Amino acid sequence: MEVVNGMAKLFGVFATHSPESCPMNKELSRDIFLDIDKKLKAPLDKYRVNKVLGFYMSVLEHQWIIVLEAENAHDIETLCIESGISSYNTVKIVPLNDISVAVQRMEAAKTSSK
């Protein structure tokens, strides 16, 4: 696992679906969702995902947030396609940083602007 600034690479997968395609309301989506759960609990070496750090959802907002420790967004994209996440969700993959990384950057910028 590549480490950047002393930390593993983190990504947020933000997935949103319509109420009509919600797994709570639609049987096909429910079956896919239950399969996604199994796939994310299996080893994800094929996608160069080291760890699923969290999978959170807001049922009423029809949104999921999955936090992954991974090599790159392209492999996460493949994971989203092959696992079924993107079959009824719009997906956004976003690199994440610990606040300490942002603080370091701001302190460096403050120092270099003097």
C-alpha atoms as a PDB file:
ATOM      1  CA  MET A   1       0.000   0.000   0.000  1.00  0.00           C
ATOM      2  CA  GLU A   2       1.434   3.330  -1.013  1.00  0.00           C
ATOM      3  CA  VAL A   3       1.687   5.846   1.779  1.00  0.00           C
ATOM      4  CA  VAL A   4       1.418   9.575   1.152  1.00  0.00           C
ATOM      5  CA  ASN A   5       2.613  11.998   3.835  1.00  0.00           C
ATOM      6  CA  GLY A   6       2.871   9.097   6.267  1.00  0.00           C
ATOM      7  CA  MET A   7      -0.714   8.019   5.639  1.00  0.00           C
ATOM      8  CA  ALA A   8      -2.413   5.419   3.448  1.00  0.00           C
ATOM      9  CA  LYS A   9      -4.360   6.660   0.429  1.00  0.00           C
ATOM     10  CA  LEU A  10      -8.006   7.086   1.376  1.00  0.00           C
ATOM     11  CA  PHE A  11     -10.968   7.432  -0.950  1.00  0.00           C
ATOM     12  CA  GLY A  12     -14.636   8.141  -0.382  1.00  0.00           C
ATOM     13  CA  VAL A  13     -17.161   6.475  -2.660  1.00  0.00           C
ATOM     14  CA  PHE A  14     -20.341   8.546  -2.651  1.00  0.00           C
ATOM     15  CA  ALA A  15     -23.260   6.671  -4.201  1.00  0.00           C
ATOM     16  CA  THR A  16     -26.763   8.056  -4.706  1.00  0.00           C
ATOM     17  CA  HIS A  17     -29.862   6.350  -6.074  1.00  0.00           C
ATOM     18  CA  SER A  18     -33.501   7.325  -6.613  1.00  0.00           C
ATOM     19  CA  PRO A  19     -36.315   6.303  -4.260  1.00  0.00           C
ATOM     20  CA  GLU A  20     -37.673   4.165  -7.110  1.00  0.00           C
ATOM     21  CA  SER A  21     -34.449   2.134  -7.341  1.00  0.00           C
ATOM     22  CA  CYS A  22     -33.872   1.955  -3.567  1.00  0.00           C
ATOM     23  CA  PRO A  23     -33.081  -1.523  -2.235  1.00  0.00           C
ATOM     24  CA  MET A  24     -35.647  -0.923   0.502  1.00  0.00           C
ATOM     25  CA  ASN A  25     -38.336  -0.601  -2.197  1.00  0.00           C
ATOM     26  CA  LYS A  26     -37.219  -2.661  -5.185  1.00  0.00           C
ATOM     27  CA  GLU A  27     -36.505  -6.398  -5.085  1.00  0.00           C
ATOM     28  CA  LEU A  28     -33.844  -6.427  -7.837  1.00  0.00           C
ATOM     29  CA  SER A  29     -31.940  -3.595  -6.135  1.00  0.00           C
ATOM     30  CA  ARG A  30     -32.238  -5.438  -2.807  1.00  0.00           C
ATOM     31  CA  ASP A  31     -30.720  -8.589  -4.304  1.00  0.00           C
ATOM     32  CA  ILE A  32     -27.864  -6.554  -5.809  1.00  0.00           C
ATOM     33  CA  PHE A  33     -27.311  -4.752  -2.504  1.00  0.00           C
ATOM     34  CA  LEU A  34     -27.083  -7.986  -0.530  1.00  0.00           C
ATOM     35  CA  ASP A  35     -24.572  -9.262  -3.084  1.00  0.00           C
ATOM     36  CA  ILE A  36     -22.561  -6.006  -2.799  1.00  0.00           C
ATOM     37  CA  ASP A  37     -22.336  -6.544   0.948  1.00  0.00           C
ATOM     38  CA  LYS A  38     -20.859 -10.024   0.425  1.00  0.00           C
ATOM     39  CA  LYS A  39     -18.430  -8.789  -2.240  1.00  0.00           C
ATOM     40  CA  LEU A  40     -17.122  -5.945  -0.057  1.00  0.00           C
ATOM     41  CA  LYS A  41     -16.488  -8.387   2.790  1.00  0.00           C
ATOM     42  CA  ALA A  42     -14.394 -10.643   0.525  1.00  0.00           C
ATOM     43  CA  PRO A  43     -10.712  -9.937  -0.200  1.00  0.00           C
ATOM     44  CA  LEU A  44     -10.422  -7.003  -2.633  1.00  0.00           C
ATOM     45  CA  ASP A  45      -6.805  -7.504  -3.753  1.00  0.00           C
ATOM     46  CA  LYS A  46      -7.934  -7.631  -7.391  1.00  0.00           C
ATOM     47  CA  TYR A  47      -8.957  -3.968  -7.065  1.00  0.00           C
ATOM     48  CA  ARG A  48      -5.898  -3.013  -5.005  1.00  0.00           C
ATOM     49  CA  VAL A  49      -8.188  -2.112  -2.112  1.00  0.00           C
ATOM     50  CA  ASN A  50      -6.409  -2.771   1.156  1.00  0.00           C
ATOM     51  CA  LYS A  51      -9.361  -2.204   3.441  1.00  0.00           C
ATOM     52  CA  VAL A  52     -12.974  -1.069   3.622  1.00  0.00           C
ATOM     53  CA  LEU A  53     -12.801   1.363   6.530  1.00  0.00           C
ATOM     54  CA  GLY A  54     -16.519   2.047   6.645  1.00  0.00           C
ATOM     55  CA  PHE A  55     -19.788   1.722   4.772  1.00  0.00           C
ATOM     56  CA  TYR A  56     -22.390   4.235   5.886  1.00  0.00           C
ATOM     57  CA  MET A  57     -25.772   5.107   4.510  1.00  0.00           C
ATOM     58  CA  SER A  58     -28.674   7.435   4.897  1.00  0.00           C
ATOM     59  CA  VAL A  59     -31.742   5.407   4.000  1.00  0.00           C
ATOM     60  CA  LEU A  60     -34.002   8.472   3.721  1.00  0.00           C
ATOM     61  CA  GLU A  61     -31.494  10.410   1.606  1.00  0.00           C
ATOM     62  CA  HIS A  62     -30.775   7.354  -0.607  1.00  0.00           C
ATOM     63  CA  GLN A  63     -27.045   7.925  -0.223  1.00  0.00           C
ATOM     64  CA  TRP A  64     -24.101   5.698   0.673  1.00  0.00           C
ATOM     65  CA  ILE A  65     -20.604   6.639   1.718  1.00  0.00           C
ATOM     66  CA  ILE A  66     -17.923   3.959   1.526  1.00  0.00           C
ATOM     67  CA  VAL A  67     -14.446   4.817   2.834  1.00  0.00           C
ATOM     68  CA  LEU A  68     -11.648   2.738   1.325  1.00  0.00           C
ATOM     69  CA  GLU A  69      -7.906   2.473   1.727  1.00  0.00           C
ATOM     70  CA  ALA A  70      -6.786   1.854  -1.860  1.00  0.00           C
ATOM     71  CA  GLU A  71      -4.121   2.424  -4.502  1.00  0.00           C
ATOM     72  CA  ASN A  72      -6.107   4.544  -6.967  1.00  0.00           C
ATOM     73  CA  ALA A  73      -9.539   5.672  -8.123  1.00  0.00           C
ATOM     74  CA  HIS A  74      -9.435   3.692 -11.386  1.00  0.00           C
ATOM     75  CA  ASP A  75      -9.409   0.378  -9.546  1.00  0.00           C
ATOM     76  CA  ILE A  76     -12.195   1.606  -7.266  1.00  0.00           C
ATOM     77  CA  GLU A  77     -14.200   2.461 -10.382  1.00  0.00           C
ATOM     78  CA  THR A  78     -13.775  -1.143 -11.567  1.00  0.00           C
ATOM     79  CA  LEU A  79     -14.833  -2.383  -8.125  1.00  0.00           C
ATOM     80  CA  CYS A  80     -17.983  -0.230  -8.289  1.00  0.00           C
ATOM     81  CA  ILE A  81     -18.874  -1.631 -11.715  1.00  0.00           C
ATOM     82  CA  GLU A  82     -18.097  -5.285 -10.999  1.00  0.00           C
ATOM     83  CA  SER A  83     -19.657  -5.358  -7.521  1.00  0.00           C
ATOM     84  CA  GLY A  84     -22.923  -3.818  -8.731  1.00  0.00           C
ATOM     85  CA  ILE A  85     -22.627  -0.514  -6.843  1.00  0.00           C
ATOM     86  CA  SER A  86     -22.933   1.477 -10.067  1.00  0.00           C
ATOM     87  CA  SER A  87     -25.813  -0.645 -11.409  1.00  0.00           C
ATOM     88  CA  TYR A  88     -28.397   1.635  -9.783  1.00  0.00           C
ATOM     89  CA  ASN A  89     -26.329   4.405  -8.179  1.00  0.00           C
ATOM     90  CA  THR A  90     -24.615   7.487  -9.472  1.00  0.00           C
ATOM     91  CA  VAL A  91     -21.087   7.178  -8.080  1.00  0.00           C
ATOM     92  CA  LYS A  92     -18.474   9.787  -7.213  1.00  0.00           C
ATOM     93  CA  ILE A  93     -14.983   8.686  -6.096  1.00  0.00           C
ATOM     94  CA  VAL A  94     -13.146  11.328  -4.066  1.00  0.00           C
ATOM     95  CA  PRO A  95      -9.626  11.279  -2.583  1.00  0.00           C
ATOM     96  CA  LEU A  96      -9.718  11.965   1.159  1.00  0.00           C
ATOM     97  CA  ASN A  97      -7.108  13.381   3.518  1.00  0.00           C
ATOM     98  CA  ASP A  98      -6.822  13.530   7.252  1.00  0.00           C
ATOM     99  CA  ILE A  99      -7.136  17.090   8.529  1.00  0.00           C
ATOM    100  CA  SER A 100      -3.450  16.988   9.513  1.00  0.00           C
ATOM    101  CA  VAL A 101      -2.509  16.895   5.804  1.00  0.00           C
ATOM    102  CA  ALA A 102      -4.522  20.058   5.109  1.00  0.00           C
ATOM    103  CA  VAL A 103      -3.018  21.777   8.156  1.00  0.00           C
ATOM    104  CA  GLN A 104       0.519  20.906   6.982  1.00  0.00           C
ATOM    105  CA  ARG A 105      -0.219  22.319   3.522  1.00  0.00           C
ATOM    106  CA  MET A 106      -1.636  25.535   4.982  1.00  0.00           C
ATOM    107  CA  GLU A 107       1.309  25.963   7.326  1.00  0.00           C
ATOM    108  CA  ALA A 108       3.734  25.397   4.429  1.00  0.00           C
ATOM    109  CA  ALA A 109       1.863  27.905   2.272  1.00  0.00           C
ATOM    110  CA  LYS A 110       1.862  30.438   5.100  1.00  0.00           C
ATOM    111  CA  THR A 111       5.630  30.008   5.554  1.00  0.00           C
ATOM    112  CA  SER A 112       6.400  30.242   1.839  1.00  0.00           C
ATOM    113  CA  SER A 113       4.312  33.394   1.366  1.00  0.00           C
ATOM    114  CA  LYS A 114       6.329  35.366   3.940  1.00  0.00           C
END
